[in-house]
Amino acid sequence: MTEEGEDCSLVSGLRQERCLLEESFTVQGSQLLWWNSTIFQSCHTITSFLMELLETIAAETRRTDLNNELPLTDGKIKNE
């Protein structure tokens, strides 16, 4: 069945070839849209997970730093 609703089994000759080709492109197009949305959704899920993981790591690092009462420095390591 094509986008126009034409049933390819009811036509013959060149019209049937065109119909079958159009039907094939319609199926491939819808599969491509499905893959695109699936890939986008997967990337979004992975990105959300990674952002949540980074936020958790940052929160744990801040909590550990506060618990250890580390002095704030300008980023340079000081020898004791």
Protein backbone atom coordinates (compact mmCIF):
# COMPACT_ATOMS: atom_id res chain seq x y z
CA MET A 1 0.00 0.00 0.00
CA THR A 2 1.39 3.42 -0.94
CA GLU A 3 0.94 6.73 0.89
CA GLU A 4 -1.99 7.52 -1.41
CA GLY A 5 -3.63 4.24 -0.38
CA GLU A 6 -3.04 2.52 -3.71
CA ASP A 7 -2.92 -1.29 -3.42
CA CYS A 8 0.02 -2.49 -5.54
CA SER A 9 -1.52 -5.92 -6.08
CA LEU A 10 -4.43 -4.36 -8.00
CA VAL A 11 -2.32 -2.66 -10.69
CA SER A 12 0.01 -4.05 -13.35
CA GLY A 13 2.92 -3.20 -15.60
CA LEU A 14 4.94 -0.02 -15.10
CA ARG A 15 2.33 1.33 -12.73
CA GLN A 16 2.82 -1.72 -10.46
CA GLU A 17 6.63 -1.31 -10.55
CA ARG A 18 6.28 2.33 -9.59
CA CYS A 19 3.79 1.40 -6.90
CA LEU A 20 6.08 -1.26 -5.41
CA LEU A 21 9.05 1.10 -5.47
CA GLU A 22 7.01 3.82 -3.76
CA GLU A 23 5.75 1.28 -1.20
CA SER A 24 9.34 0.23 -0.49
CA PHE A 25 10.42 3.84 0.07
CA THR A 26 7.46 4.44 2.38
CA VAL A 27 8.42 1.43 4.53
CA GLN A 28 12.11 2.40 4.55
CA GLY A 29 11.23 5.99 5.47
CA SER A 30 9.11 4.95 8.43
CA GLN A 31 11.84 2.55 9.61
CA LEU A 32 14.40 5.36 9.35
CA LEU A 33 12.19 7.67 11.42
CA TRP A 34 11.82 4.92 14.03
CA TRP A 35 15.62 4.41 14.19
CA ASN A 36 16.23 8.17 14.44
CA SER A 37 13.81 8.55 17.34
CA THR A 38 15.23 5.45 19.07
CA ILE A 39 18.80 6.71 18.75
CA PHE A 40 17.81 10.20 19.96
CA GLN A 41 15.95 8.73 22.95
CA SER A 42 18.92 6.49 23.82
CA CYS A 43 21.37 9.40 23.64
CA HIS A 44 19.06 11.51 25.81
CA THR A 45 18.79 8.71 28.39
CA ILE A 46 22.57 8.18 28.49
CA THR A 47 23.23 11.92 28.76
CA SER A 48 20.72 12.26 31.60
CA PHE A 49 22.33 9.35 33.44
CA LEU A 50 25.83 10.82 33.04
CA MET A 51 24.70 14.26 34.24
CA GLU A 52 23.08 12.70 37.30
CA LEU A 53 26.24 10.69 37.97
CA LEU A 54 28.43 13.80 37.71
CA GLU A 55 26.13 15.73 40.05
CA THR A 56 26.31 12.87 42.57
CA ILE A 57 30.10 12.74 42.36
CA ALA A 58 30.33 16.52 42.81
CA ALA A 59 28.00 16.42 45.83
CA GLU A 60 29.97 13.55 47.41
CA THR A 61 33.25 15.38 46.78
CA ARG A 62 31.92 18.56 48.43
CA ARG A 63 30.59 16.55 51.38
CA THR A 64 33.92 14.72 51.79
CA ASP A 65 35.85 17.99 51.57
CA LEU A 66 33.65 19.55 54.25
CA ASN A 67 33.92 16.50 56.49
CA ASN A 68 37.71 16.50 56.22
CA GLU A 69 37.79 20.26 56.75
CA LEU A 70 40.28 20.73 53.97
CA PRO A 71 41.65 24.26 53.75
CA LEU A 72 40.72 26.15 50.64
CA THR A 73 43.72 26.78 48.41
CA ASP A 74 44.34 28.55 45.17
CA GLY A 75 44.63 25.19 43.40
CA LYS A 76 48.32 24.67 44.17
CA ILE A 77 49.45 21.66 46.16
CA LYS A 78 51.29 22.71 49.30
CA ASN A 79 53.93 20.49 50.91
CA GLU A 80 53.54 20.07 54.62
